[in-house]
Amino acid sequence: MRMLEIRWSWFTVVKYAVYLLLLSNLVQFFFEDLGSLRQMNAAALSLADYVSIFAVTLDTAAWFVMLLLFELETAVIADEYFTRRAERLLHVTRFICAGAIVYAFYGYLTKALGFGDFVPLDVAGACALPPGYEAIVDLDDYEPLNARNCASFVGPLLTLPGSTLFATVQDHLFATRLAWLDVINAGAWIIILMMLEVDVRVTEHHRRLATWQPLSRASKGVLYTVLFVAAILWGLAGAALDFVDASLWLFAFFCIELNVFAWAREVAPRAGITSGASAG
């Protein structure tokens, strides 16, 4: 339901606390990506490489702004204050964020495909590698190779041609799976974003509510299930920050879904739709 003054219920307090936690996660992701950048030769990196390295930060920042825009449009700005100028500003900002989200998806995809470029490293073992090599121990975690840790990298080794990165077969497989999990997760969120955009437009213009809402809810039910499974897989993989972040995002967009649902119930009488049809 749109209202200029938000009722500060416990649910509202929890909702905005979650938004603040998401903002803190954004800062943590930035420093994680910055740490990954410091492990690489910055002079040899292209723009696409930077997008790939900072894909999580770029994606999270764009999504955070998008979340705030949906919150403003579906719960904060009253109908009488929702002018054409305000609507245009929201649409332009949302378009920019959507571009950043799609670009970040490209970064996730590039990173995942990049793991397919690794080739066998023809050395007796990690201790035989020259100084300067770095081991991939996680998707975004690189460990400089030295005399103290080289013996811990056992078995066949893989390397990315033209780089000083290497990984054991097991670590490479683990990182590859996490990279593709990022791709699936980002893709599912993009589809949800497009459907939410249609939700808002349909509700705003009072058109085809009864036809669109059941389809939207069923489709998003499947997509949210995919995202929930992805969060569990991150937790099982030991990626605590990713698990917590995914859980917070699910709760945040659950709040947006409630906003849209309440708003649709409010405008249904104006559109000549019964409350039963509106609820799907």
C-alpha atoms as a PDB file:
ATOM      1  CA  MET A   1       0.000   0.000   0.000  1.00  0.00           C
ATOM      2  CA  ARG A   2       1.341   3.450  -0.871  1.00  0.00           C
ATOM      3  CA  MET A   3       1.460   5.935   1.995  1.00  0.00           C
ATOM      4  CA  LEU A   4       3.558   9.005   2.599  1.00  0.00           C
ATOM      5  CA  GLU A   5       3.980   8.307   6.293  1.00  0.00           C
ATOM      6  CA  ILE A   6       5.183   4.780   6.957  1.00  0.00           C
ATOM      7  CA  ARG A   7       3.643   2.977   9.899  1.00  0.00           C
ATOM      8  CA  TRP A   8       6.599   2.023  12.047  1.00  0.00           C
ATOM      9  CA  SER A   9       5.462  -1.440  13.012  1.00  0.00           C
ATOM     10  CA  TRP A  10       7.929  -4.072  14.165  1.00  0.00           C
ATOM     11  CA  PHE A  11       7.876  -5.500  10.671  1.00  0.00           C
ATOM     12  CA  THR A  12       8.857  -2.135   9.220  1.00  0.00           C
ATOM     13  CA  VAL A  13      11.709  -1.795  11.704  1.00  0.00           C
ATOM     14  CA  VAL A  14      12.979  -5.274  10.809  1.00  0.00           C
ATOM     15  CA  LYS A  15      12.626  -4.520   7.096  1.00  0.00           C
ATOM     16  CA  TYR A  16      14.775  -1.401   7.248  1.00  0.00           C
ATOM     17  CA  ALA A  17      17.266  -3.143   9.522  1.00  0.00           C
ATOM     18  CA  VAL A  18      17.659  -5.753   6.773  1.00  0.00           C
ATOM     19  CA  TYR A  19      18.208  -2.987   4.230  1.00  0.00           C
ATOM     20  CA  LEU A  20      21.026  -1.616   6.416  1.00  0.00           C
ATOM     21  CA  LEU A  21      22.565  -5.087   6.677  1.00  0.00           C
ATOM     22  CA  LEU A  22      22.490  -5.335   2.890  1.00  0.00           C
ATOM     23  CA  LEU A  23      24.321  -2.021   2.708  1.00  0.00           C
ATOM     24  CA  SER A  24      26.992  -3.346   5.085  1.00  0.00           C
ATOM     25  CA  ASN A  25      27.323  -6.469   2.926  1.00  0.00           C
ATOM     26  CA  LEU A  26      27.882  -4.234  -0.092  1.00  0.00           C
ATOM     27  CA  VAL A  27      30.859  -2.661   1.682  1.00  0.00           C
ATOM     28  CA  GLN A  28      32.246  -6.103   2.556  1.00  0.00           C
ATOM     29  CA  PHE A  29      31.897  -7.308  -1.037  1.00  0.00           C
ATOM     30  CA  PHE A  30      33.750  -4.220  -2.254  1.00  0.00           C
ATOM     31  CA  PHE A  31      36.723  -4.965  -0.018  1.00  0.00           C
ATOM     32  CA  GLU A  32      36.645  -8.639  -1.060  1.00  0.00           C
ATOM     33  CA  ASP A  33      36.763  -7.662  -4.736  1.00  0.00           C
ATOM     34  CA  LEU A  34      39.448  -5.091  -4.006  1.00  0.00           C
ATOM     35  CA  GLY A  35      41.489  -7.834  -2.362  1.00  0.00           C
ATOM     36  CA  SER A  36      41.133  -9.966  -5.500  1.00  0.00           C
ATOM     37  CA  LEU A  37      42.301  -7.031  -7.626  1.00  0.00           C
ATOM     38  CA  ARG A  38      45.412  -6.600  -5.499  1.00  0.00           C
ATOM     39  CA  GLN A  39      46.387 -10.186  -6.289  1.00  0.00           C
ATOM     40  CA  MET A  40      46.531  -9.410 -10.005  1.00  0.00           C
ATOM     41  CA  ASN A  41      48.686  -7.381 -12.360  1.00  0.00           C
ATOM     42  CA  ALA A  42      46.513  -4.267 -12.712  1.00  0.00           C
ATOM     43  CA  ALA A  43      48.526  -2.971 -15.682  1.00  0.00           C
ATOM     44  CA  ALA A  44      47.572  -6.013 -17.754  1.00  0.00           C
ATOM     45  CA  LEU A  45      43.843  -5.860 -16.983  1.00  0.00           C
ATOM     46  CA  SER A  46      41.210  -4.733 -19.483  1.00  0.00           C
ATOM     47  CA  LEU A  47      37.876  -3.077 -18.699  1.00  0.00           C
ATOM     48  CA  ALA A  48      36.193  -6.480 -19.052  1.00  0.00           C
ATOM     49  CA  ASP A  49      38.624  -7.870 -16.469  1.00  0.00           C
ATOM     50  CA  TYR A  50      37.697  -5.117 -14.008  1.00  0.00           C
ATOM     51  CA  VAL A  51      33.999  -5.811 -14.586  1.00  0.00           C
ATOM     52  CA  SER A  52      34.635  -9.486 -13.905  1.00  0.00           C
ATOM     53  CA  ILE A  53      36.639  -8.772 -10.740  1.00  0.00           C
ATOM     54  CA  PHE A  54      34.139  -6.247  -9.341  1.00  0.00           C
ATOM     55  CA  ALA A  55      31.053  -8.075 -10.650  1.00  0.00           C
ATOM     56  CA  VAL A  56      29.739  -8.787  -7.142  1.00  0.00           C
ATOM     57  CA  THR A  57      30.178  -5.176  -5.976  1.00  0.00           C
ATOM     58  CA  LEU A  58      28.651  -3.736  -9.154  1.00  0.00           C
ATOM     59  CA  ASP A  59      25.757  -6.173  -9.026  1.00  0.00           C
ATOM     60  CA  THR A  60      25.056  -5.642  -5.318  1.00  0.00           C
ATOM     61  CA  ALA A  61      25.220  -1.834  -5.573  1.00  0.00           C
ATOM     62  CA  ALA A  62      22.804  -1.758  -8.509  1.00  0.00           C
ATOM     63  CA  TRP A  63      20.431  -4.144  -6.774  1.00  0.00           C
ATOM     64  CA  PHE A  64      20.522  -2.100  -3.572  1.00  0.00           C
ATOM     65  CA  VAL A  65      19.511   1.062  -5.441  1.00  0.00           C
ATOM     66  CA  MET A  66      16.860  -0.930  -7.313  1.00  0.00           C
ATOM     67  CA  LEU A  67      15.504  -2.225  -3.992  1.00  0.00           C
ATOM     68  CA  LEU A  68      15.198   1.318  -2.650  1.00  0.00           C
ATOM     69  CA  LEU A  69      13.425   2.423  -5.846  1.00  0.00           C
ATOM     70  CA  PHE A  70      10.867  -0.374  -5.542  1.00  0.00           C
ATOM     71  CA  GLU A  71      10.386   0.504  -1.867  1.00  0.00           C
ATOM     72  CA  LEU A  72       9.761   4.153  -2.748  1.00  0.00           C
ATOM     73  CA  GLU A  73       7.366   3.356  -5.571  1.00  0.00           C
ATOM     74  CA  THR A  74       5.346   0.648  -3.841  1.00  0.00           C
ATOM     75  CA  ALA A  75       5.300   1.741  -0.191  1.00  0.00           C
ATOM     76  CA  VAL A  76       6.577   5.262   0.459  1.00  0.00           C
ATOM     77  CA  ILE A  77       5.488   7.791  -2.180  1.00  0.00           C
ATOM     78  CA  ALA A  78       1.781   8.563  -1.948  1.00  0.00           C
ATOM     79  CA  ASP A  79      -0.243   8.491  -5.172  1.00  0.00           C
ATOM     80  CA  GLU A  80      -0.912  12.229  -5.062  1.00  0.00           C
ATOM     81  CA  TYR A  81       2.828  12.964  -4.886  1.00  0.00           C
ATOM     82  CA  PHE A  82       3.747  10.537  -7.650  1.00  0.00           C
ATOM     83  CA  THR A  83       4.115  13.141 -10.412  1.00  0.00           C
ATOM     84  CA  ARG A  84       5.305  12.575 -13.973  1.00  0.00           C
ATOM     85  CA  ARG A  85       8.628  14.136 -13.048  1.00  0.00           C
ATOM     86  CA  ALA A  86       9.095  11.763 -10.112  1.00  0.00           C
ATOM     87  CA  GLU A  87       8.045   8.832 -12.283  1.00  0.00           C
ATOM     88  CA  ARG A  88      10.541   9.800 -14.990  1.00  0.00           C
ATOM     89  CA  LEU A  89      13.345  10.132 -12.453  1.00  0.00           C
ATOM     90  CA  LEU A  90      12.581   6.704 -11.007  1.00  0.00           C
ATOM     91  CA  HIS A  91      12.462   5.141 -14.467  1.00  0.00           C
ATOM     92  CA  VAL A  92      15.775   6.663 -15.573  1.00  0.00           C
ATOM     93  CA  THR A  93      17.507   5.579 -12.369  1.00  0.00           C
ATOM     94  CA  ARG A  94      16.011   2.109 -12.650  1.00  0.00           C
ATOM     95  CA  PHE A  95      17.134   1.855 -16.279  1.00  0.00           C
ATOM     96  CA  ILE A  96      20.716   2.734 -15.282  1.00  0.00           C
ATOM     97  CA  CYS A  97      20.647   0.166 -12.470  1.00  0.00           C
ATOM     98  CA  ALA A  98      19.213  -2.472 -14.808  1.00  0.00           C
ATOM     99  CA  GLY A  99      22.081  -1.821 -17.216  1.00  0.00           C
ATOM    100  CA  ALA A 100      24.583  -2.262 -14.378  1.00  0.00           C
ATOM    101  CA  ILE A 101      22.880  -5.496 -13.292  1.00  0.00           C
ATOM    102  CA  VAL A 102      23.006  -6.953 -16.809  1.00  0.00           C
ATOM    103  CA  TYR A 103      26.635  -5.854 -17.129  1.00  0.00           C
ATOM    104  CA  ALA A 104      27.422  -7.538 -13.811  1.00  0.00           C
ATOM    105  CA  PHE A 105      25.742 -10.689 -15.128  1.00  0.00           C
ATOM    106  CA  TYR A 106      28.151 -10.502 -18.046  1.00  0.00           C
ATOM    107  CA  GLY A 107      30.953 -10.310 -15.470  1.00  0.00           C
ATOM    108  CA  TYR A 108      29.683 -13.436 -13.687  1.00  0.00           C
ATOM    109  CA  LEU A 109      29.376 -15.259 -17.002  1.00  0.00           C
ATOM    110  CA  THR A 110      32.860 -14.191 -18.101  1.00  0.00           C
ATOM    111  CA  LYS A 111      34.343 -15.415 -14.831  1.00  0.00           C
ATOM    112  CA  ALA A 112      32.539 -18.776 -15.062  1.00  0.00           C
ATOM    113  CA  LEU A 113      33.557 -19.304 -18.687  1.00  0.00           C
ATOM    114  CA  GLY A 114      37.116 -18.314 -17.790  1.00  0.00           C
ATOM    115  CA  PHE A 115      37.491 -21.409 -15.640  1.00  0.00           C
ATOM    116  CA  GLY A 116      37.067 -23.442 -18.811  1.00  0.00           C
ATOM    117  CA  ASP A 117      40.307 -21.943 -20.152  1.00  0.00           C
ATOM    118  CA  PHE A 118      42.508 -23.616 -17.532  1.00  0.00           C
ATOM    119  CA  VAL A 119      44.968 -26.191 -18.871  1.00  0.00           C
ATOM    120  CA  PRO A 120      47.183 -28.821 -17.181  1.00  0.00           C
ATOM    121  CA  LEU A 121      50.379 -27.443 -15.665  1.00  0.00           C
ATOM    122  CA  ASP A 122      53.368 -29.577 -16.611  1.00  0.00           C
ATOM    123  CA  VAL A 123      55.432 -29.444 -13.419  1.00  0.00           C
ATOM    124  CA  ALA A 124      56.455 -31.988 -10.806  1.00  0.00           C
ATOM    125  CA  GLY A 125      54.480 -30.137  -8.141  1.00  0.00           C
ATOM    126  CA  ALA A 126      53.603 -26.715  -6.777  1.00  0.00           C
ATOM    127  CA  CYS A 127      57.004 -26.432  -5.066  1.00  0.00           C
ATOM    128  CA  ALA A 128      58.649 -26.544  -8.513  1.00  0.00           C
ATOM    129  CA  LEU A 129      56.850 -23.392  -9.656  1.00  0.00           C
ATOM    130  CA  PRO A 130      58.834 -20.138  -9.797  1.00  0.00           C
ATOM    131  CA  PRO A 131      58.073 -17.260  -7.389  1.00  0.00           C
ATOM    132  CA  GLY A 132      55.059 -15.101  -8.161  1.00  0.00           C
ATOM    133  CA  TYR A 133      52.442 -17.826  -8.660  1.00  0.00           C
ATOM    134  CA  GLU A 134      49.141 -17.645  -6.784  1.00  0.00           C
ATOM    135  CA  ALA A 135      46.820 -20.509  -5.934  1.00  0.00           C
ATOM    136  CA  ILE A 136      43.063 -20.315  -6.367  1.00  0.00           C
ATOM    137  CA  VAL A 137      41.675 -21.732  -3.129  1.00  0.00           C
ATOM    138  CA  ASP A 138      38.145 -20.346  -3.531  1.00  0.00           C
ATOM    139  CA  LEU A 139      36.165 -18.427  -6.129  1.00  0.00           C
ATOM    140  CA  ASP A 140      37.538 -15.053  -5.001  1.00  0.00           C
ATOM    141  CA  ASP A 141      40.372 -16.179  -2.754  1.00  0.00           C
ATOM    142  CA  TYR A 142      43.952 -16.282  -4.030  1.00  0.00           C
ATOM    143  CA  GLU A 143      46.886 -17.450  -1.919  1.00  0.00           C
ATOM    144  CA  PRO A 144      50.449 -16.428  -2.865  1.00  0.00           C
ATOM    145  CA  LEU A 145      52.654 -19.479  -3.354  1.00  0.00           C
ATOM    146  CA  ASN A 146      55.651 -19.799  -1.049  1.00  0.00           C
ATOM    147  CA  ALA A 147      57.954 -22.433   0.421  1.00  0.00           C
ATOM    148  CA  ARG A 148      55.708 -22.905   3.464  1.00  0.00           C
ATOM    149  CA  ASN A 149      52.467 -23.713   1.640  1.00  0.00           C
ATOM    150  CA  CYS A 150      53.583 -25.227  -1.680  1.00  0.00           C
ATOM    151  CA  ALA A 151      53.476 -28.795  -0.347  1.00  0.00           C
ATOM    152  CA  SER A 152      49.767 -28.411   0.516  1.00  0.00           C
ATOM    153  CA  PHE A 153      48.783 -28.226  -3.165  1.00  0.00           C
ATOM    154  CA  VAL A 154      48.877 -31.897  -4.079  1.00  0.00           C
ATOM    155  CA  GLY A 155      47.839 -33.753  -7.210  1.00  0.00           C
ATOM    156  CA  PRO A 156      47.625 -32.543 -10.817  1.00  0.00           C
ATOM    157  CA  LEU A 157      47.698 -28.773 -11.215  1.00  0.00           C
ATOM    158  CA  LEU A 158      45.902 -26.483 -13.655  1.00  0.00           C
ATOM    159  CA  THR A 159      46.829 -22.986 -14.792  1.00  0.00           C
ATOM    160  CA  LEU A 160      45.282 -20.139 -16.752  1.00  0.00           C
ATOM    161  CA  PRO A 161      47.498 -19.470 -19.793  1.00  0.00           C
ATOM    162  CA  GLY A 162      49.155 -16.072 -19.711  1.00  0.00           C
ATOM    163  CA  SER A 163      48.687 -15.675 -15.965  1.00  0.00           C
ATOM    164  CA  THR A 164      50.380 -16.718 -12.726  1.00  0.00           C
ATOM    165  CA  LEU A 165      47.232 -18.371 -11.381  1.00  0.00           C
ATOM    166  CA  PHE A 166      47.090 -22.091 -10.706  1.00  0.00           C
ATOM    167  CA  ALA A 167      44.809 -24.495  -8.863  1.00  0.00           C
ATOM    168  CA  THR A 168      44.521 -28.117  -7.936  1.00  0.00           C
ATOM    169  CA  VAL A 169      41.902 -30.039  -9.881  1.00  0.00           C
ATOM    170  CA  GLN A 170      39.696 -30.179  -6.786  1.00  0.00           C
ATOM    171  CA  ASP A 171      39.965 -26.449  -6.011  1.00  0.00           C
ATOM    172  CA  HIS A 172      39.378 -25.607  -9.681  1.00  0.00           C
ATOM    173  CA  LEU A 173      36.210 -27.720  -9.746  1.00  0.00           C
ATOM    174  CA  PHE A 174      34.965 -26.141  -6.502  1.00  0.00           C
ATOM    175  CA  ALA A 175      35.554 -22.590  -7.776  1.00  0.00           C
ATOM    176  CA  THR A 176      33.956 -23.425 -11.143  1.00  0.00           C
ATOM    177  CA  ARG A 177      30.787 -24.695  -9.480  1.00  0.00           C
ATOM    178  CA  LEU A 178      30.554 -21.572  -7.326  1.00  0.00           C
ATOM    179  CA  ALA A 179      31.059 -19.392 -10.411  1.00  0.00           C
ATOM    180  CA  TRP A 180      28.186 -21.067 -12.258  1.00  0.00           C
ATOM    181  CA  LEU A 181      26.048 -20.835  -9.127  1.00  0.00           C
ATOM    182  CA  ASP A 182      26.614 -17.063  -9.309  1.00  0.00           C
ATOM    183  CA  VAL A 183      25.464 -17.095 -12.949  1.00  0.00           C
ATOM    184  CA  ILE A 184      22.280 -19.048 -12.164  1.00  0.00           C
ATOM    185  CA  ASN A 185      21.523 -16.862  -9.149  1.00  0.00           C
ATOM    186  CA  ALA A 186      22.056 -13.620 -11.086  1.00  0.00           C
ATOM    187  CA  GLY A 187      19.963 -14.864 -14.014  1.00  0.00           C
ATOM    188  CA  ALA A 188      17.049 -15.800 -11.751  1.00  0.00           C
ATOM    189  CA  TRP A 189      17.140 -12.386 -10.089  1.00  0.00           C
ATOM    190  CA  ILE A 190      17.113 -10.617 -13.459  1.00  0.00           C
ATOM    191  CA  ILE A 191      13.963 -12.495 -14.488  1.00  0.00           C
ATOM    192  CA  ILE A 192      12.338 -11.609 -11.143  1.00  0.00           C
ATOM    193  CA  LEU A 193      13.315  -7.977 -11.715  1.00  0.00           C
ATOM    194  CA  MET A 194      11.578  -7.948 -15.103  1.00  0.00           C
ATOM    195  CA  MET A 195       8.462  -9.535 -13.621  1.00  0.00           C
ATOM    196  CA  LEU A 196       8.384  -7.070 -10.729  1.00  0.00           C
ATOM    197  CA  GLU A 197       8.645  -4.242 -13.229  1.00  0.00           C
ATOM    198  CA  VAL A 198       5.581  -5.611 -15.022  1.00  0.00           C
ATOM    199  CA  ASP A 199       3.844  -6.037 -11.629  1.00  0.00           C
ATOM    200  CA  VAL A 200       4.379  -2.366 -10.852  1.00  0.00           C
ATOM    201  CA  ARG A 201       3.298  -1.147 -14.308  1.00  0.00           C
ATOM    202  CA  VAL A 202       0.181  -3.354 -14.342  1.00  0.00           C
ATOM    203  CA  THR A 203      -0.798  -2.211 -10.857  1.00  0.00           C
ATOM    204  CA  GLU A 204       0.005   1.422 -11.581  1.00  0.00           C
ATOM    205  CA  HIS A 205      -2.173   1.556 -14.698  1.00  0.00           C
ATOM    206  CA  HIS A 206      -4.884  -0.785 -13.350  1.00  0.00           C
ATOM    207  CA  ARG A 207      -4.614  -3.094 -16.370  1.00  0.00           C
ATOM    208  CA  ARG A 208      -4.911  -6.879 -16.599  1.00  0.00           C
ATOM    209  CA  LEU A 209      -4.450  -7.364 -12.852  1.00  0.00           C
ATOM    210  CA  ALA A 210      -6.604 -10.496 -12.712  1.00  0.00           C
ATOM    211  CA  THR A 211      -4.835 -12.020 -15.742  1.00  0.00           C
ATOM    212  CA  TRP A 212      -1.241 -11.160 -14.873  1.00  0.00           C
ATOM    213  CA  GLN A 213      -1.095 -11.740 -11.109  1.00  0.00           C
ATOM    214  CA  PRO A 214      -1.619 -15.549 -11.040  1.00  0.00           C
ATOM    215  CA  LEU A 215       1.005 -16.035 -13.764  1.00  0.00           C
ATOM    216  CA  SER A 216       3.421 -13.704 -11.979  1.00  0.00           C
ATOM    217  CA  ARG A 217       3.067 -15.441  -8.620  1.00  0.00           C
ATOM    218  CA  ALA A 218       3.460 -18.935 -10.040  1.00  0.00           C
ATOM    219  CA  SER A 219       6.537 -18.013 -12.077  1.00  0.00           C
ATOM    220  CA  LYS A 220       8.196 -16.126  -9.253  1.00  0.00           C
ATOM    221  CA  GLY A 221       7.450 -18.997  -6.893  1.00  0.00           C
ATOM    222  CA  VAL A 222       9.687 -21.217  -9.041  1.00  0.00           C
ATOM    223  CA  LEU A 223      12.383 -18.535  -9.297  1.00  0.00           C
ATOM    224  CA  TYR A 224      12.425 -17.831  -5.559  1.00  0.00           C
ATOM    225  CA  THR A 225      12.785 -21.573  -4.970  1.00  0.00           C
ATOM    226  CA  VAL A 226      15.870 -21.566  -7.218  1.00  0.00           C
ATOM    227  CA  LEU A 227      17.292 -18.649  -5.224  1.00  0.00           C
ATOM    228  CA  PHE A 228      16.541 -20.388  -1.923  1.00  0.00           C
ATOM    229  CA  VAL A 229      18.364 -23.516  -3.103  1.00  0.00           C
ATOM    230  CA  ALA A 230      21.309 -21.353  -4.225  1.00  0.00           C
ATOM    231  CA  ALA A 231      21.493 -19.802  -0.754  1.00  0.00           C
ATOM    232  CA  ILE A 232      21.551 -23.258   0.840  1.00  0.00           C
ATOM    233  CA  LEU A 233      24.306 -24.400  -1.528  1.00  0.00           C
ATOM    234  CA  TRP A 234      26.417 -21.374  -0.582  1.00  0.00           C
ATOM    235  CA  GLY A 235      25.919 -22.250   3.061  1.00  0.00           C
ATOM    236  CA  LEU A 236      26.949 -25.869   2.476  1.00  0.00           C
ATOM    237  CA  ALA A 237      30.004 -24.666   0.532  1.00  0.00           C
ATOM    238  CA  GLY A 238      31.121 -22.620   3.518  1.00  0.00           C
ATOM    239  CA  ALA A 239      30.512 -19.261   1.825  1.00  0.00           C
ATOM    240  CA  ALA A 240      29.004 -17.662   4.930  1.00  0.00           C
ATOM    241  CA  LEU A 241      28.820 -14.103   3.583  1.00  0.00           C
ATOM    242  CA  ASP A 242      27.160 -15.262   0.349  1.00  0.00           C
ATOM    243  CA  PHE A 243      24.652 -17.355   2.322  1.00  0.00           C
ATOM    244  CA  VAL A 244      23.739 -14.491   4.660  1.00  0.00           C
ATOM    245  CA  ASP A 245      23.569 -12.006   1.779  1.00  0.00           C
ATOM    246  CA  ALA A 246      21.319 -14.275  -0.298  1.00  0.00           C
ATOM    247  CA  SER A 247      19.005 -14.824   2.688  1.00  0.00           C
ATOM    248  CA  LEU A 248      18.771 -11.088   3.344  1.00  0.00           C
ATOM    249  CA  TRP A 249      17.952 -10.373  -0.307  1.00  0.00           C
ATOM    250  CA  LEU A 250      15.200 -12.986  -0.274  1.00  0.00           C
ATOM    251  CA  PHE A 251      13.664 -11.351   2.802  1.00  0.00           C
ATOM    252  CA  ALA A 252      14.041  -7.866   1.297  1.00  0.00           C
ATOM    253  CA  PHE A 253      12.216  -8.802  -1.891  1.00  0.00           C
ATOM    254  CA  PHE A 254       9.611 -10.678   0.128  1.00  0.00           C
ATOM    255  CA  CYS A 255       8.881  -7.247   1.626  1.00  0.00           C
ATOM    256  CA  ILE A 256       8.630  -5.720  -1.858  1.00  0.00           C
ATOM    257  CA  GLU A 257       6.251  -8.503  -2.910  1.00  0.00           C
ATOM    258  CA  LEU A 258       4.070  -7.683   0.116  1.00  0.00           C
ATOM    259  CA  ASN A 259       4.133  -4.013  -0.889  1.00  0.00           C
ATOM    260  CA  VAL A 260       2.991  -4.866  -4.420  1.00  0.00           C
ATOM    261  CA  PHE A 261       0.295  -7.224  -3.125  1.00  0.00           C
ATOM    262  CA  ALA A 262      -1.102  -4.591  -0.741  1.00  0.00           C
ATOM    263  CA  TRP A 263      -0.937  -1.933  -3.438  1.00  0.00           C
ATOM    264  CA  ALA A 264      -2.793  -4.189  -5.903  1.00  0.00           C
ATOM    265  CA  ARG A 265      -5.551  -4.758  -3.340  1.00  0.00           C
ATOM    266  CA  GLU A 266      -5.820  -1.001  -2.888  1.00  0.00           C
ATOM    267  CA  VAL A 267      -6.185  -0.213  -6.603  1.00  0.00           C
ATOM    268  CA  ALA A 268      -8.346  -3.238  -7.467  1.00  0.00           C
ATOM    269  CA  PRO A 269     -11.665  -1.444  -6.743  1.00  0.00           C
ATOM    270  CA  ARG A 270     -10.616   1.406  -9.043  1.00  0.00           C
ATOM    271  CA  ALA A 271      -9.926  -1.105 -11.797  1.00  0.00           C
ATOM    272  CA  GLY A 272     -13.277  -2.809 -11.274  1.00  0.00           C
ATOM    273  CA  ILE A 273     -11.680  -6.036  -9.956  1.00  0.00           C
ATOM    274  CA  THR A 274     -13.107  -7.977  -7.053  1.00  0.00           C
ATOM    275  CA  SER A 275     -10.819  -8.585  -4.082  1.00  0.00           C
ATOM    276  CA  GLY A 276     -10.874 -12.315  -4.754  1.00  0.00           C
ATOM    277  CA  ALA A 277      -9.625 -11.863  -8.303  1.00  0.00           C
ATOM    278  CA  SER A 278      -7.025  -9.436  -7.111  1.00  0.00           C
ATOM    279  CA  ALA A 279      -5.652 -11.899  -4.590  1.00  0.00           C
ATOM    280  CA  GLY A 280      -5.326 -14.531  -7.299  1.00  0.00           C
END
